[in-house]
Amino acid sequence: MYKITDECVACGTCLDECPSEAIKEGDIYEIDQEICTECGTCVDSCPNDAIIEE
């Protein structure tokens, strides 16, 4: 399971890269765990290392 931390600056990179469209916009982005396939694309694409595995 992946989580977006407070390091998120809402740049949109993960949102654009997520193949399952599991990332939702907000003050910081959130991952919808029911949709996420845990592929790791968001982790690899985040320039701020704001996505971690729990």
PDB file of N, CA and C in Angstrom:
ATOM      1  N   MET A   1       0.845  -1.173   0.000  1.00  0.00           N
ATOM      2  CA  MET A   1       0.000   0.000   0.000  1.00  0.00           C
ATOM      3  C   MET A   1       0.893   1.240   0.000  1.00  0.00           C
ATOM      4  N   TYR A   2       0.563   2.183  -0.867  1.00  0.00           N
ATOM      5  CA  TYR A   2       1.324   3.423  -0.971  1.00  0.00           C
ATOM      6  C   TYR A   2       0.560   4.575  -0.339  1.00  0.00           C
ATOM      7  N   LYS A   3       1.313   5.542   0.175  1.00  0.00           N
ATOM      8  CA  LYS A   3       0.726   6.722   0.811  1.00  0.00           C
ATOM      9  C   LYS A   3       1.478   7.952   0.335  1.00  0.00           C
ATOM     10  N   ILE A   4       0.750   9.039   0.115  1.00  0.00           N
ATOM     11  CA  ILE A   4       1.364  10.310  -0.247  1.00  0.00           C
ATOM     12  C   ILE A   4       1.544  11.111   1.040  1.00  0.00           C
ATOM     13  N   THR A   5       2.775  11.547   1.288  1.00  0.00           N
ATOM     14  CA  THR A   5       3.116  12.232   2.532  1.00  0.00           C
ATOM     15  C   THR A   5       2.970  13.751   2.406  1.00  0.00           C
ATOM     16  N   ASP A   6       3.236  14.433   3.498  1.00  0.00           N
ATOM     17  CA  ASP A   6       3.172  15.895   3.532  1.00  0.00           C
ATOM     18  C   ASP A   6       4.231  16.561   2.664  1.00  0.00           C
ATOM     19  N   GLU A   7       5.154  15.779   2.135  1.00  0.00           N
ATOM     20  CA  GLU A   7       6.171  16.319   1.224  1.00  0.00           C
ATOM     21  C   GLU A   7       5.579  16.661  -0.144  1.00  0.00           C
ATOM     22  N   CYS A   8       4.357  16.223  -0.383  1.00  0.00           N
ATOM     23  CA  CYS A   8       3.677  16.462  -1.663  1.00  0.00           C
ATOM     24  C   CYS A   8       3.462  17.961  -1.874  1.00  0.00           C
ATOM     25  N   VAL A   9       3.817  18.426  -3.066  1.00  0.00           N
ATOM     26  CA  VAL A   9       3.593  19.828  -3.436  1.00  0.00           C
ATOM     27  C   VAL A   9       2.533  19.946  -4.527  1.00  0.00           C
ATOM     28  N   ALA A  10       1.804  18.851  -4.766  1.00  0.00           N
ATOM     29  CA  ALA A  10       0.720  18.805  -5.751  1.00  0.00           C
ATOM     30  C   ALA A  10       1.176  19.253  -7.140  1.00  0.00           C
ATOM     31  N   CYS A  11       2.317  18.731  -7.568  1.00  0.00           N
ATOM     32  CA  CYS A  11       2.851  19.102  -8.882  1.00  0.00           C
ATOM     33  C   CYS A  11       2.119  18.407 -10.029  1.00  0.00           C
ATOM     34  N   GLY A  12       1.440  17.290  -9.729  1.00  0.00           N
ATOM     35  CA  GLY A  12       0.667  16.591 -10.748  1.00  0.00           C
ATOM     36  C   GLY A  12       1.391  15.489 -11.479  1.00  0.00           C
ATOM     37  N   THR A  13       2.659  15.297 -11.220  1.00  0.00           N
ATOM     38  CA  THR A  13       3.416  14.276 -11.944  1.00  0.00           C
ATOM     39  C   THR A  13       2.829  12.889 -11.715  1.00  0.00           C
ATOM     40  N   CYS A  14       2.559  12.540 -10.472  1.00  0.00           N
ATOM     41  CA  CYS A  14       2.015  11.212 -10.181  1.00  0.00           C
ATOM     42  C   CYS A  14       0.623  11.047 -10.767  1.00  0.00           C
ATOM     43  N   LEU A  15      -0.152  12.106 -10.733  1.00  0.00           N
ATOM     44  CA  LEU A  15      -1.504  12.087 -11.271  1.00  0.00           C
ATOM     45  C   LEU A  15      -1.479  11.737 -12.760  1.00  0.00           C
ATOM     46  N   ASP A  16      -0.557  12.337 -13.483  1.00  0.00           N
ATOM     47  CA  ASP A  16      -0.421  12.096 -14.919  1.00  0.00           C
ATOM     48  C   ASP A  16       0.116  10.700 -15.223  1.00  0.00           C
ATOM     49  N   GLU A  17       0.939  10.152 -14.332  1.00  0.00           N
ATOM     50  CA  GLU A  17       1.601   8.873 -14.589  1.00  0.00           C
ATOM     51  C   GLU A  17       0.822   7.651 -14.126  1.00  0.00           C
ATOM     52  N   CYS A  18      -0.132   7.805 -13.227  1.00  0.00           N
ATOM     53  CA  CYS A  18      -0.853   6.658 -12.658  1.00  0.00           C
ATOM     54  C   CYS A  18      -1.709   5.967 -13.718  1.00  0.00           C
ATOM     55  N   PRO A  19      -1.406   4.703 -14.059  1.00  0.00           N
ATOM     56  CA  PRO A  19      -2.165   4.014 -15.097  1.00  0.00           C
ATOM     57  C   PRO A  19      -3.584   3.625 -14.669  1.00  0.00           C
ATOM     58  N   SER A  20      -3.837   3.562 -13.375  1.00  0.00           N
ATOM     59  CA  SER A  20      -5.171   3.160 -12.910  1.00  0.00           C
ATOM     60  C   SER A  20      -6.017   4.340 -12.438  1.00  0.00           C
ATOM     61  N   GLU A  21      -5.474   5.549 -12.585  1.00  0.00           N
ATOM     62  CA  GLU A  21      -6.168   6.778 -12.177  1.00  0.00           C
ATOM     63  C   GLU A  21      -6.628   6.728 -10.716  1.00  0.00           C
ATOM     64  N   ALA A  22      -5.746   6.220  -9.855  1.00  0.00           N
ATOM     65  CA  ALA A  22      -6.060   6.046  -8.440  1.00  0.00           C
ATOM     66  C   ALA A  22      -5.702   7.261  -7.594  1.00  0.00           C
ATOM     67  N   ILE A  23      -5.080   8.260  -8.181  1.00  0.00           N
ATOM     68  CA  ILE A  23      -4.644   9.433  -7.419  1.00  0.00           C
ATOM     69  C   ILE A  23      -5.646  10.558  -7.607  1.00  0.00           C
ATOM     70  N   LYS A  24      -6.067  11.114  -6.489  1.00  0.00           N
ATOM     71  CA  LYS A  24      -7.069  12.180  -6.497  1.00  0.00           C
ATOM     72  C   LYS A  24      -6.448  13.486  -6.031  1.00  0.00           C
ATOM     73  N   GLU A  25      -6.886  14.589  -6.625  1.00  0.00           N
ATOM     74  CA  GLU A  25      -6.362  15.907  -6.290  1.00  0.00           C
ATOM     75  C   GLU A  25      -6.922  16.410  -4.962  1.00  0.00           C
ATOM     76  N   GLY A  26      -6.124  17.258  -4.307  1.00  0.00           N
ATOM     77  CA  GLY A  26      -6.511  17.919  -3.072  1.00  0.00           C
ATOM     78  C   GLY A  26      -5.381  18.847  -2.677  1.00  0.00           C
ATOM     79  N   ASP A  27      -5.350  19.307  -1.431  1.00  0.00           N
ATOM     80  CA  ASP A  27      -4.222  20.127  -0.966  1.00  0.00           C
ATOM     81  C   ASP A  27      -2.929  19.356  -1.159  1.00  0.00           C
ATOM     82  N   ILE A  28      -2.959  18.110  -0.725  1.00  0.00           N
ATOM     83  CA  ILE A  28      -1.955  17.152  -1.168  1.00  0.00           C
ATOM     84  C   ILE A  28      -2.749  16.041  -1.828  1.00  0.00           C
ATOM     85  N   TYR A  29      -2.145  15.311  -2.707  1.00  0.00           N
ATOM     86  CA  TYR A  29      -2.870  14.280  -3.426  1.00  0.00           C
ATOM     87  C   TYR A  29      -3.083  13.072  -2.518  1.00  0.00           C
ATOM     88  N   GLU A  30      -4.088  12.275  -2.849  1.00  0.00           N
ATOM     89  CA  GLU A  30      -4.388  11.067  -2.103  1.00  0.00           C
ATOM     90  C   GLU A  30      -4.499   9.900  -3.064  1.00  0.00           C
ATOM     91  N   ILE A  31      -4.151   8.714  -2.579  1.00  0.00           N
ATOM     92  CA  ILE A  31      -4.265   7.506  -3.381  1.00  0.00           C
ATOM     93  C   ILE A  31      -5.505   6.749  -2.929  1.00  0.00           C
ATOM     94  N   ASP A  32      -6.389   6.457  -3.867  1.00  0.00           N
ATOM     95  CA  ASP A  32      -7.577   5.667  -3.584  1.00  0.00           C
ATOM     96  C   ASP A  32      -7.142   4.201  -3.535  1.00  0.00           C
ATOM     97  N   GLN A  33      -7.106   3.644  -2.336  1.00  0.00           N
ATOM     98  CA  GLN A  33      -6.591   2.291  -2.147  1.00  0.00           C
ATOM     99  C   GLN A  33      -7.453   1.226  -2.820  1.00  0.00           C
ATOM    100  N   GLU A  34      -8.708   1.527  -3.073  1.00  0.00           N
ATOM    101  CA  GLU A  34      -9.582   0.563  -3.738  1.00  0.00           C
ATOM    102  C   GLU A  34      -9.285   0.461  -5.229  1.00  0.00           C
ATOM    103  N   ILE A  35      -8.679   1.501  -5.779  1.00  0.00           N
ATOM    104  CA  ILE A  35      -8.362   1.522  -7.211  1.00  0.00           C
ATOM    105  C   ILE A  35      -6.883   1.194  -7.459  1.00  0.00           C
ATOM    106  N   CYS A  36      -6.021   1.551  -6.527  1.00  0.00           N
ATOM    107  CA  CYS A  36      -4.565   1.379  -6.684  1.00  0.00           C
ATOM    108  C   CYS A  36      -4.202  -0.089  -6.918  1.00  0.00           C
ATOM    109  N   THR A  37      -3.360  -0.321  -7.914  1.00  0.00           N
ATOM    110  CA  THR A  37      -2.880  -1.671  -8.217  1.00  0.00           C
ATOM    111  C   THR A  37      -1.488  -1.915  -7.644  1.00  0.00           C
ATOM    112  N   GLU A  38      -0.953  -0.932  -6.920  1.00  0.00           N
ATOM    113  CA  GLU A  38       0.368  -1.010  -6.290  1.00  0.00           C
ATOM    114  C   GLU A  38       1.473  -1.296  -7.304  1.00  0.00           C
ATOM    115  N   CYS A  39       1.382  -0.649  -8.460  1.00  0.00           N
ATOM    116  CA  CYS A  39       2.387  -0.849  -9.508  1.00  0.00           C
ATOM    117  C   CYS A  39       3.689  -0.097  -9.223  1.00  0.00           C
ATOM    118  N   GLY A  40       3.612   0.981  -8.408  1.00  0.00           N
ATOM    119  CA  GLY A  40       4.808   1.736  -8.057  1.00  0.00           C
ATOM    120  C   GLY A  40       5.164   2.851  -9.020  1.00  0.00           C
ATOM    121  N   THR A  41       4.378   3.044 -10.055  1.00  0.00           N
ATOM    122  CA  THR A  41       4.663   4.097 -11.032  1.00  0.00           C
ATOM    123  C   THR A  41       4.698   5.467 -10.368  1.00  0.00           C
ATOM    124  N   CYS A  42       3.791   5.704  -9.427  1.00  0.00           N
ATOM    125  CA  CYS A  42       3.747   6.996  -8.746  1.00  0.00           C
ATOM    126  C   CYS A  42       5.017   7.245  -7.939  1.00  0.00           C
ATOM    127  N   VAL A  43       5.506   6.201  -7.282  1.00  0.00           N
ATOM    128  CA  VAL A  43       6.735   6.331  -6.490  1.00  0.00           C
ATOM    129  C   VAL A  43       7.895   6.725  -7.391  1.00  0.00           C
ATOM    130  N   ASP A  44       8.020   6.034  -8.510  1.00  0.00           N
ATOM    131  CA  ASP A  44       9.113   6.291  -9.444  1.00  0.00           C
ATOM    132  C   ASP A  44       9.025   7.667 -10.080  1.00  0.00           C
ATOM    133  N   SER A  45       7.808   8.192 -10.259  1.00  0.00           N
ATOM    134  CA  SER A  45       7.642   9.466 -10.957  1.00  0.00           C
ATOM    135  C   SER A  45       7.707  10.686 -10.052  1.00  0.00           C
ATOM    136  N   CYS A  46       7.540  10.518  -8.744  1.00  0.00           N
ATOM    137  CA  CYS A  46       7.476  11.662  -7.829  1.00  0.00           C
ATOM    138  C   CYS A  46       8.834  12.343  -7.675  1.00  0.00           C
ATOM    139  N   PRO A  47       8.946  13.624  -8.057  1.00  0.00           N
ATOM    140  CA  PRO A  47      10.233  14.323  -7.949  1.00  0.00           C
ATOM    141  C   PRO A  47      10.599  14.704  -6.512  1.00  0.00           C
ATOM    142  N   ASN A  48       9.638  14.634  -5.587  1.00  0.00           N
ATOM    143  CA  ASN A  48       9.898  15.026  -4.196  1.00  0.00           C
ATOM    144  C   ASN A  48       9.977  13.847  -3.240  1.00  0.00           C
ATOM    145  N   ASP A  49       9.969  12.630  -3.765  1.00  0.00           N
ATOM    146  CA  ASP A  49       9.965  11.435  -2.927  1.00  0.00           C
ATOM    147  C   ASP A  49       8.869  11.508  -1.864  1.00  0.00           C
ATOM    148  N   ALA A  50       7.699  11.976  -2.259  1.00  0.00           N
ATOM    149  CA  ALA A  50       6.587  12.181  -1.325  1.00  0.00           C
ATOM    150  C   ALA A  50       5.660  10.974  -1.223  1.00  0.00           C
ATOM    151  N   ILE A  51       5.967   9.911  -1.959  1.00  0.00           N
ATOM    152  CA  ILE A  51       5.118   8.720  -1.911  1.00  0.00           C
ATOM    153  C   ILE A  51       5.925   7.580  -1.318  1.00  0.00           C
ATOM    154  N   ILE A  52       5.359   6.984  -0.276  1.00  0.00           N
ATOM    155  CA  ILE A  52       6.051   5.921   0.430  1.00  0.00           C
ATOM    156  C   ILE A  52       5.188   4.658   0.477  1.00  0.00           C
ATOM    157  N   GLU A  53       5.845   3.537   0.679  1.00  0.00           N
ATOM    158  CA  GLU A  53       5.130   2.292   0.859  1.00  0.00           C
ATOM    159  C   GLU A  53       4.918   2.078   2.347  1.00  0.00           C
ATOM    160  N   GLU A  54       3.689   1.736   2.710  1.00  0.00           N
ATOM    161  CA  GLU A  54       3.380   1.507   4.132  1.00  0.00           C
ATOM    162  C   GLU A  54       3.435   0.034   4.439  1.00  0.00           C
TER     163      GLU A  54
END
